[in-house]
Protein backbone atom coordinates (compact mmCIF):
# COMPACT_ATOMS: atom_id res chain seq x y z
CA ALA A 1 89.42 88.88 93.91
CA SER A 2 90.80 86.58 91.31
CA GLY A 3 88.34 88.01 88.74
CA SER A 4 89.39 91.59 89.47
CA ALA A 5 93.04 90.61 89.25
CA ALA A 6 92.43 89.01 85.87
CA ALA A 7 90.61 92.13 84.64
CA ALA A 8 93.46 94.34 85.84
CA GLY A 9 95.98 92.10 84.06
CA ALA A 10 94.01 92.28 80.79
CA ALA A 11 93.78 96.08 81.04
CA LEU A 12 97.52 96.31 81.65
CA LEU A 13 98.24 94.04 78.68
CA GLN A 14 96.07 96.20 76.38
CA ALA A 15 97.85 99.34 77.61
CA VAL A 16 101.23 97.80 76.78
CA GLU A 17 100.18 96.52 73.33
CA ALA A 18 98.53 99.79 72.23
CA PRO A 19 101.72 101.90 72.05
CA SER A 20 103.63 99.06 70.39
CA SER A 21 100.94 98.62 67.76
CA SER A 22 100.80 102.34 67.16
CA SER A 23 104.54 102.47 66.96
CA ASN A 24 104.49 99.54 64.50
CA GLY A 25 101.92 101.40 62.48
CA ASN A 26 104.01 104.52 62.56
CA GLY A 27 107.04 102.46 61.68
CA SER A 28 105.31 100.93 58.69
CA VAL A 29 104.18 104.35 57.57
CA THR A 30 107.63 105.72 58.09
CA GLY A 31 109.12 102.73 56.19
CA ALA A 32 106.69 103.24 53.32
CA ALA A 33 107.50 106.92 53.27
CA ALA A 34 111.21 106.13 53.22
CA ALA A 35 110.76 103.50 50.51
CA ALA A 36 109.25 106.03 48.13
CA PRO A 37 112.42 108.16 47.80
CA ALA A 38 114.51 104.99 47.63
CA ALA A 39 112.36 103.68 44.80
CA ALA A 40 112.59 107.05 43.11
CA ALA A 41 116.36 107.08 43.55
CA SER A 42 116.92 103.50 42.35
CA PRO A 43 116.68 104.30 38.59
CA ASP A 44 119.22 107.08 39.03
CA SER A 45 121.61 104.81 40.93
CA ALA A 46 121.17 102.04 38.36
CA SER A 47 121.90 104.42 35.49
CA LYS A 48 124.95 105.75 37.32
CA ALA A 49 126.20 102.21 37.92
CA ALA A 50 125.67 101.36 34.24
CA GLU A 51 127.56 104.49 33.18
CA GLN A 52 130.41 103.67 35.54
CA ALA A 53 130.58 100.10 34.24
CA LYS A 54 130.57 101.35 30.66
CA ARG A 55 133.27 103.91 31.47
CA SER A 56 135.36 101.20 33.12
CA GLN A 57 135.03 98.92 30.08
CA VAL A 58 136.06 101.75 27.76
CA GLN A 59 139.09 102.50 29.92
CA LYS A 60 140.09 98.84 29.95
CA ALA A 61 139.68 98.64 26.18
CA LYS A 62 141.82 101.76 25.72
CA ALA A 63 144.49 100.34 28.01
CA LYS A 64 144.52 97.07 26.04
CA LEU A 65 144.74 98.93 22.74
CA LEU A 66 147.60 101.07 24.01
CA LYS A 67 149.35 97.96 25.27
CA LEU A 68 148.83 96.21 21.96
CA ALA A 69 150.00 99.24 19.99
CA GLY A 70 153.07 99.55 22.21
CA GLY A 71 153.90 95.88 21.71
CA ALA A 72 153.42 96.12 17.95
CA VAL A 73 155.60 99.23 17.75
CA THR A 74 158.29 97.58 19.87
CA VAL A 75 158.31 94.45 17.73
CA GLY A 76 158.35 96.54 14.54
CA LEU A 77 161.24 98.69 15.75
CA ALA A 78 163.19 95.64 16.87
CA PHE A 79 162.64 93.94 13.52
CA ALA A 80 163.57 97.10 11.63
CA PHE A 81 166.73 97.45 13.72
CA LEU A 82 167.77 93.90 12.93
CA GLN A 83 167.54 94.71 9.20
CA THR A 84 169.98 97.60 9.52
CA ALA A 85 173.77 97.35 9.39
CA ALA A 86 174.02 97.75 13.18
CA GLY A 87 171.48 94.99 13.68
CA GLN A 88 173.32 92.66 11.33
CA SER A 89 176.55 93.45 13.19
CA LEU A 90 174.84 92.57 16.47
CA ILE A 91 173.63 89.25 15.04
CA ALA A 92 177.11 88.51 13.73
CA ALA A 93 178.60 89.32 17.13
CA VAL A 94 176.19 86.98 18.91
CA GLN A 95 176.93 84.24 16.41
CA GLY A 96 180.66 84.80 16.84
CA LEU A 97 180.30 84.62 20.62
CA GLY A 98 178.44 81.36 20.27
CA ALA A 99 181.12 79.99 17.95
CA SER A 100 183.91 80.95 20.37
CA VAL A 101 182.09 79.27 23.26
CA ALA A 102 181.63 76.18 21.13
CA ASP A 103 185.35 76.17 20.27
CA ARG A 104 186.31 76.38 23.94
CA ILE A 105 183.94 73.54 24.88
CA GLY A 106 185.11 71.42 22.01
CA PRO A 107 183.20 69.33 19.49
CA ILE A 108 180.06 67.64 20.79
CA HIS A 109 178.97 64.60 18.84
CA ILE A 110 175.19 64.26 18.87
CA GLY A 111 173.65 61.14 17.45
CA ALA A 112 170.16 60.71 16.05
CA ALA A 113 168.69 59.70 19.40
CA GLU A 114 170.32 62.59 21.23
CA ARG A 115 169.23 65.02 18.52
CA GLY A 116 165.60 63.94 18.91
CA LEU A 117 165.81 64.37 22.67
CA LEU A 118 167.44 67.79 22.26
CA GLU A 119 164.71 68.93 19.86
CA THR A 120 162.08 67.82 22.39
CA ILE A 121 163.82 69.91 25.03
CA TYR A 122 163.83 72.91 22.69
CA LEU A 123 160.12 72.49 22.03
CA LEU A 124 159.23 72.27 25.72
CA LEU A 125 161.47 75.21 26.64
CA THR A 126 160.02 77.37 23.88
CA SER A 127 156.45 76.52 24.85
CA ILE A 128 156.88 77.36 28.55
CA VAL A 129 158.47 80.71 27.61
CA CYS A 130 156.35 81.86 24.66
CA VAL A 131 152.86 80.76 25.73
CA PRO A 132 152.78 82.58 29.11
CA ALA A 133 154.49 85.64 27.57
CA VAL A 134 151.92 85.92 24.78
CA CYS A 135 148.96 85.38 27.12
CA LYS A 136 150.26 88.04 29.51
CA LEU A 137 151.64 90.70 27.16
CA ILE A 138 149.22 90.60 24.21
CA PRO A 139 145.59 91.60 24.91
CA GLY A 140 143.37 88.71 23.96
CA GLY A 141 146.40 86.53 23.30
CA SER A 142 145.64 82.81 23.39
CA PRO A 143 147.94 79.81 23.96
CA VAL A 144 147.52 78.95 20.27
CA LEU A 145 149.20 82.22 19.27
CA GLY A 146 151.99 81.53 21.75
CA TYR A 147 152.64 78.10 20.24
CA LEU A 148 152.63 79.54 16.72
CA ILE A 149 155.10 82.30 17.61
CA GLY A 150 157.34 79.83 19.46
CA GLY A 151 157.36 77.49 16.48
CA ALA A 152 158.16 80.35 14.11
CA LEU A 153 161.13 81.38 16.28
CA ILE A 154 162.82 77.98 16.44
CA GLY A 155 161.80 76.89 12.94
CA PRO A 156 163.95 76.72 9.79
CA HIS A 157 162.93 80.23 8.67
CA ALA A 158 164.18 81.98 11.83
CA LEU A 159 166.73 80.61 14.34
CA ASN A 160 166.84 77.23 12.56
CA ILE A 161 167.09 75.32 15.82
CA ILE A 162 164.80 72.66 14.36
CA SER A 163 165.29 72.31 10.62
CA ASP A 164 163.49 69.04 9.88
CA VAL A 165 159.84 69.91 10.52
CA HIS A 166 158.53 66.72 8.93
CA ALA A 167 160.30 64.61 11.57
CA VAL A 168 157.88 65.86 14.24
CA GLN A 169 154.89 66.69 12.03
CA HIS A 170 153.43 63.19 11.92
CA LEU A 171 153.49 62.94 15.70
CA ALA A 172 152.00 66.43 15.99
CA GLU A 173 149.02 65.47 13.80
CA LEU A 174 147.92 63.15 16.57
CA GLY A 175 147.03 66.28 18.54
CA VAL A 176 144.34 67.08 15.99
CA VAL A 177 143.14 63.47 16.19
CA PHE A 178 142.69 63.62 19.96
CA LEU A 179 141.10 67.07 19.78
CA LEU A 180 138.36 65.84 17.42
CA PHE A 181 137.99 62.68 19.50
CA ASN A 182 137.37 64.82 22.57
CA ILE A 183 134.77 66.87 20.65
CA GLY A 184 133.01 63.63 19.70
CA LEU A 185 132.95 62.56 23.34
CA GLU A 186 131.08 65.75 24.25
CA LEU A 187 128.43 65.15 21.56
CA SER A 188 126.22 62.21 20.67
CA LEU A 189 124.75 60.79 17.48
CA GLU A 190 121.32 62.17 18.37
CA ARG A 191 122.70 65.66 18.95
CA LEU A 192 124.69 65.42 15.71
CA GLN A 193 121.52 64.52 13.84
CA SER A 194 119.87 67.65 15.22
CA MET A 195 122.76 69.66 13.73
CA ALA A 196 122.35 68.13 10.26
CA LYS A 197 120.74 71.33 8.95
CA TYR A 198 123.83 73.30 9.91
CA VAL A 199 126.32 70.66 8.75
CA PHE A 200 124.92 69.91 5.30
CA GLY A 201 123.04 73.16 4.75
CA MET A 202 125.11 75.99 6.12
CA GLY A 203 128.38 74.08 5.59
CA ALA A 204 127.58 73.41 1.95
CA ALA A 205 126.52 77.03 1.45
CA GLN A 206 129.76 78.33 2.98
CA VAL A 207 132.00 76.05 0.90
CA GLY A 208 130.03 76.56 -2.32
CA LEU A 209 129.80 80.35 -2.09
CA THR A 210 133.48 80.66 -1.16
CA VAL A 211 134.60 78.44 -4.05
CA VAL A 212 132.50 80.44 -6.52
CA GLY A 213 133.67 83.79 -5.15
CA VAL A 214 137.38 82.94 -5.08
CA ALA A 215 137.23 81.26 -8.50
CA ALA A 216 135.52 84.30 -10.04
CA PHE A 217 138.07 86.65 -8.45
CA ALA A 218 140.97 84.50 -9.69
CA LEU A 219 139.53 84.34 -13.21
CA HIS A 220 138.97 88.07 -13.61
CA PHE A 221 141.81 89.60 -11.60
CA ALA A 222 144.58 86.98 -11.50
CA GLY A 223 144.05 85.56 -14.98
CA LEU A 224 144.04 81.93 -13.85
CA PRO A 225 142.40 79.30 -16.06
CA GLY A 226 139.09 77.83 -14.95
CA PRO A 227 140.34 74.53 -13.41
CA SER A 228 143.12 76.27 -11.49
CA ALA A 229 140.68 78.91 -10.20
CA ILE A 230 138.29 76.20 -8.93
CA ILE A 231 141.11 74.35 -7.15
CA LEU A 232 142.29 77.60 -5.55
CA GLY A 233 138.73 78.38 -4.44
CA GLY A 234 138.36 74.94 -2.89
CA ALA A 235 141.63 75.28 -1.00
CA LEU A 236 140.81 78.74 0.37
CA ALA A 237 137.28 77.65 1.33
CA MET A 238 138.80 75.29 3.92
CA SER A 239 139.74 76.37 7.46
CA THR A 240 142.11 74.90 10.03
CA THR A 241 139.77 72.81 12.17
CA ALA A 242 142.25 72.38 15.00
CA VAL A 243 142.98 76.09 15.41
CA ALA A 244 139.35 77.20 15.23
CA ILE A 245 138.07 74.58 17.69
CA GLN A 246 140.94 75.09 20.12
CA VAL A 247 140.35 78.86 20.20
CA LEU A 248 136.62 78.33 20.77
CA GLU A 249 137.38 75.91 23.60
CA ASP A 250 139.81 78.36 25.19
CA ARG A 251 137.09 81.01 25.11
CA GLY A 252 134.45 78.61 26.42
CA GLU A 253 132.29 79.18 23.32
CA MET A 254 131.94 75.66 21.93
CA GLY A 255 128.47 75.32 23.44
CA SER A 256 127.26 78.69 22.16
CA ARG A 257 125.16 79.00 19.04
CA HIS A 258 127.94 80.45 16.90
CA GLY A 259 130.30 77.79 18.32
CA ARG A 260 127.98 74.98 17.18
CA ALA A 261 127.56 76.67 13.80
CA THR A 262 131.32 76.97 13.40
CA PHE A 263 131.83 73.32 14.29
CA SER A 264 129.13 72.29 11.80
CA VAL A 265 130.83 74.17 8.99
CA LEU A 266 134.22 72.73 9.89
CA LEU A 267 132.79 69.21 9.96
CA PHE A 268 131.37 69.66 6.47
CA GLN A 269 134.73 70.98 5.29
CA ASP A 270 136.39 67.76 6.52
CA LEU A 271 133.95 65.84 4.32
CA ALA A 272 134.44 68.22 1.39
CA VAL A 273 138.20 67.63 1.44
CA VAL A 274 137.58 64.18 -0.07
CA VAL A 275 135.78 65.73 -3.03
CA LEU A 276 138.47 68.39 -3.46
CA LEU A 277 141.31 65.86 -3.44
CA MET A 278 139.55 63.84 -6.14
CA LEU A 279 138.85 66.95 -8.22
CA ILE A 280 142.47 68.09 -8.35
CA PRO A 281 143.78 65.35 -10.69
CA LEU A 282 140.55 65.39 -12.70
CA LEU A 283 140.63 69.13 -13.33
CA ALA A 284 144.29 69.07 -14.32
CA PRO A 285 144.77 68.77 -18.11
CA ASP A 286 146.26 65.58 -19.50
CA PRO A 287 149.62 65.58 -21.38
CA SER A 288 147.83 66.30 -24.66
CA GLY A 289 146.33 69.47 -23.16
CA ALA A 290 142.73 68.23 -23.16
CA SER A 291 140.63 68.60 -20.04
CA THR A 292 138.65 65.83 -18.38
CA GLY A 293 135.02 65.54 -19.40
CA MET A 294 132.14 66.27 -17.07
CA ALA A 295 130.98 62.65 -17.17
CA LYS A 296 134.27 61.43 -15.76
CA ILE A 297 134.22 64.12 -13.05
CA ALA A 298 130.65 63.23 -12.08
CA LYS A 299 131.57 59.53 -11.90
CA ALA A 300 134.56 60.24 -9.65
CA LEU A 301 132.46 62.42 -7.34
CA GLY A 302 129.85 59.71 -7.11
CA ILE A 303 132.49 57.12 -6.19
CA ALA A 304 133.89 59.47 -3.52
CA ALA A 305 130.43 60.01 -2.04
CA VAL A 306 129.71 56.26 -1.95
CA LYS A 307 133.06 55.54 -0.28
CA ALA A 308 132.46 58.20 2.37
CA VAL A 309 128.93 56.98 3.14
CA VAL A 310 129.94 53.31 3.30
CA CYS A 311 132.89 54.08 5.55
CA ILE A 312 130.93 56.28 7.98
CA VAL A 313 127.93 53.93 8.14
CA GLY A 314 130.17 50.88 8.54
CA ILE A 315 132.19 52.42 11.38
CA THR A 316 129.04 53.64 13.12
CA ALA A 317 127.20 50.31 12.87
CA GLY A 318 130.22 48.20 13.81
CA GLY A 319 131.16 50.51 16.66
CA ARG A 320 127.69 50.35 18.21
CA LEU A 321 127.95 46.56 18.27
CA LEU A 322 131.52 46.26 19.53
CA ILE A 323 132.47 49.32 21.61
CA ARG A 324 130.29 48.72 24.68
CA PRO A 325 131.09 44.97 25.08
CA LEU A 326 134.78 45.66 24.52
CA TYR A 327 134.97 48.32 27.21
CA LYS A 328 132.89 46.23 29.58
CA LYS A 329 135.36 43.36 29.37
CA ILE A 330 138.35 45.68 29.71
CA SER A 331 136.85 47.47 32.73
CA ASN A 332 136.37 44.11 34.48
CA LEU A 333 140.15 43.69 34.44
CA ALA A 334 140.47 46.75 36.72
CA ASN A 335 143.69 47.80 34.96
CA ALA A 336 143.98 51.52 34.18
CA GLU A 337 146.86 51.04 31.71
CA ILE A 338 144.99 48.46 29.64
CA PHE A 339 141.91 50.69 29.66
CA ALA A 340 143.93 53.66 28.32
CA ALA A 341 145.60 51.41 25.73
CA THR A 342 142.16 50.26 24.55
CA THR A 343 141.12 53.87 24.06
CA LEU A 344 144.26 54.59 22.01
CA LEU A 345 143.59 51.48 19.92
CA VAL A 346 140.00 52.51 19.19
CA VAL A 347 140.94 56.09 18.29
CA LEU A 348 143.93 55.31 16.09
CA GLY A 349 142.28 52.27 14.49
CA THR A 350 139.16 54.23 13.50
CA SER A 351 141.30 57.10 12.22
CA PHE A 352 143.33 54.68 10.12
CA MET A 353 140.20 53.21 8.54
CA THR A 354 138.88 56.63 7.53
CA GLN A 355 142.32 57.52 6.16
CA LEU A 356 142.25 54.40 3.98
CA ALA A 357 138.81 55.42 2.68
CA GLY A 358 140.17 58.80 1.58
CA LEU A 359 138.72 60.71 4.54
CA SER A 360 140.72 62.51 7.21
CA LEU A 361 142.26 61.06 10.35
CA ALA A 362 140.39 63.63 12.42
CA LEU A 363 137.00 62.51 11.06
CA GLY A 364 137.69 58.92 12.15
CA ALA A 365 138.64 60.11 15.63
CA PHE A 366 135.46 62.18 15.78
CA LEU A 367 133.35 59.13 14.91
CA ALA A 368 135.13 57.10 17.60
CA GLY A 369 134.33 59.81 20.14
CA LEU A 370 130.66 59.78 19.15
CA LEU A 371 130.48 56.02 19.63
CA ILE A 372 132.16 56.03 23.04
CA ALA A 373 129.97 58.97 24.14
CA GLU A 374 126.97 56.61 24.03
CA THR A 375 128.54 54.35 26.67
CA GLU A 376 128.91 54.81 30.41
CA TYR A 377 132.71 54.94 30.06
CA ALA A 378 132.87 58.35 28.34
CA LEU A 379 133.99 60.34 31.41
CA GLN A 380 136.80 57.90 32.22
CA VAL A 381 137.99 57.93 28.61
CA GLU A 382 137.94 61.73 28.51
CA SER A 383 140.10 61.98 31.63
CA ASP A 384 142.54 59.40 30.21
CA ILE A 385 143.20 61.28 26.96
CA ALA A 386 143.42 64.78 28.46
CA PRO A 387 147.24 64.74 28.90
CA TYR A 388 147.84 63.43 25.37
CA LYS A 389 145.52 65.97 23.78
CA GLY A 390 147.04 69.03 25.45
CA LEU A 391 150.67 68.15 24.77
CA LEU A 392 150.14 66.96 21.20
CA MET A 393 147.98 69.97 20.31
CA GLY A 394 150.75 72.28 21.48
CA LEU A 395 153.24 70.32 19.37
CA PHE A 396 150.92 70.56 16.36
CA PHE A 397 150.62 74.34 16.62
CA MET A 398 154.39 74.67 16.97
CA THR A 399 154.95 72.66 13.78
CA VAL A 400 152.50 74.96 12.01
CA GLY A 401 154.45 77.96 13.29
CA MET A 402 157.72 76.47 12.02
CA GLN A 403 156.44 76.83 8.47
CA ILE A 404 155.94 80.61 8.81
CA SER A 405 158.54 82.46 6.78
CA GLY A 406 159.30 85.95 8.06
CA SER A 407 161.53 86.77 5.09
CA LEU A 408 158.77 85.91 2.63
CA PHE A 409 156.35 88.13 4.54
CA VAL A 410 158.82 91.04 4.45
CA ALA A 411 159.41 90.58 0.73
CA LYS A 412 155.72 90.30 -0.18
CA TRP A 413 154.01 92.05 2.73
CA LYS A 414 151.77 94.27 0.59
CA THR A 415 150.47 91.36 -1.46
CA ILE A 416 150.03 89.14 1.61
CA ILE A 417 148.15 91.77 3.63
CA ALA A 418 145.91 92.67 0.67
CA ALA A 419 145.13 89.00 0.05
CA MET A 420 144.37 88.46 3.76
CA VAL A 421 142.02 91.45 3.88
CA VAL A 422 140.15 90.33 0.76
CA LEU A 423 139.94 86.69 1.87
CA VAL A 424 138.86 87.40 5.46
CA GLY A 425 136.35 90.03 4.34
CA GLY A 426 134.93 87.71 1.71
CA LYS A 427 134.57 84.77 4.09
CA LEU A 428 132.92 87.00 6.68
CA ALA A 429 130.41 88.12 4.07
CA VAL A 430 129.78 84.52 3.00
CA MET A 431 129.17 83.33 6.56
CA LEU A 432 126.97 86.34 7.25
CA ALA A 433 124.76 85.38 4.31
CA ALA A 434 124.86 81.61 4.95
CA GLY A 435 124.20 81.96 8.67
CA GLN A 436 121.16 84.17 8.21
CA MET A 437 119.84 81.76 5.58
CA PHE A 438 119.73 79.04 8.26
CA GLY A 439 118.33 81.02 11.17
CA LEU A 440 121.41 82.51 12.85
CA SER A 441 121.37 86.09 14.03
CA ARG A 442 123.64 88.62 12.37
CA LEU A 443 125.98 88.70 15.37
CA ALA A 444 126.19 84.91 15.64
CA SER A 445 126.84 84.67 11.89
CA LEU A 446 129.65 87.22 12.09
CA ARG A 447 131.25 85.47 15.06
CA ALA A 448 131.07 82.13 13.27
CA GLY A 449 132.56 83.79 10.20
CA GLU A 450 135.37 85.25 12.29
CA ALA A 451 136.17 81.80 13.71
CA CYS A 452 136.32 80.27 10.22
CA ALA A 453 137.90 83.16 8.31
CA CYS A 454 140.63 84.16 10.75
CA ARG A 455 141.77 80.54 11.10
CA ASN A 456 141.94 79.89 7.39
CA SER A 457 144.38 77.19 6.46
C-alpha cells in the first residue's frame, strides 16, 4: 500500500511539473521572440535619444547666445546713453543729489584707519554684488570675470571709490602666492619631474616662438627697433598665471591633459621672467647710443641661470631636511593656531627667498607647496590656507580690474580690438604647433592655447 501510494505521488508530481516546464519553455520562447523586436528597436531608440540630446544642447546654446547678445546690447546701449547729453545730465543730477545729501549730513572726517576700513567694506560689497550677478547673467561667466568687473567699477577710471590701487595691491599679491602654494600641495616632486618635457620643452617652444613672432611683427609693421621689439615680444609671451589657473580650477580642468600642459607652460614663463628682467637693461642703449655686446648679454643670462638653479636646488634640499621635523614638532603641541602660523611662515619665507634671488614670489610658494606635499601634513595645511586663498585671490582680481580704463578703450577701441585679435590668434597658433610637437592632440593644444592666450597679461 505504501509503495502504491508513493508511485501515485510520483505520478502526480510529474503531472504538475510537466505543464510548468512546458509553460517555462513557452515563456522562454516567447521572451526570446519578444527580445528580437526590442533588440531591433534599440538602435532606433538610441539614435532618437542622441538626436534629442543634440537638439537640446543646440537649443541651450542658442538660448545662451541670445542671452549674451541681449546683455551685450543692453550694456552697449547704456554706455552709449551715458555718453550723450541726456546721460551726462543724469550723471550730473545723481552727483548733485549726492552732494546735497552730504551737505545735509554735514562734514564727515575720515582718518587713515577709517578710510582703510571703508575701502575694505566697498571691496566686500562689490564682490558680493558683482560676482553672483556675472555668474548668473552672463553665459559661461566665472567669478574671476565678476571680480574684474567689480574692480573696474570702483577703480580710479570709473566711479573712483578707491583711487589708491597700490595701497591694496601688495596685500592682493598674496592671493597669487597662496594659489601657487595650493597647486604645489596637489603635486609632488616626482610628478613634476614627469612633466619636465612639457615645462622645459613645450614651455620654451611657446615663449620662444611668441617672442620671435611678436618681434618680427613689431619690426616690420610697427617700425620698432630690434631691442624694443624683443622686449615687447617677451612681455606679450607671458600670461597671467593667477587668472589662467583660477579659471581652470573653477572649470575642474586642472587635472586634464590640457590643464597640465597649460600649467607647465605657465611655470616655465615664471622662470623666463628672470631672463626677461635681466635682458631689459642690457638691450637698452647706453647714453652714448651704443648697444650692449652679445658677450655681456650671454654673461648676464648665465648668471641669471646659475642664480635660479642655486636658489631652487637650495630651497628643495633644505626643505626636505627641515620641513618634516618642523611640522612634527609643531603638531605635537596640538595648537591649531601655531600650526597655521607655521604654514604662513614657511610660505612667505620661501617666497621671500625666491624674490631675493630675482625669481617670483609665486615660484617660491609653489616650491614650498611641493615640499609640504611630501609630508603627511599636506591635507591639514591645505584646509588651513583655504580661507586665505579665496579671499586674497578675489582681492587680487579686483585690483587688476581697477587698472582697466574704460575711457582709453573707447578712445582706442579699434586699435585695441585689432591687437587683441592678432595676439590671441597668434598665441593660439603657437600653442597649436608647440602642443602637437610634444604629443598633445589638436583639441588639447587649442584648449591650452585658449587658457594661455585669453589670459594674457
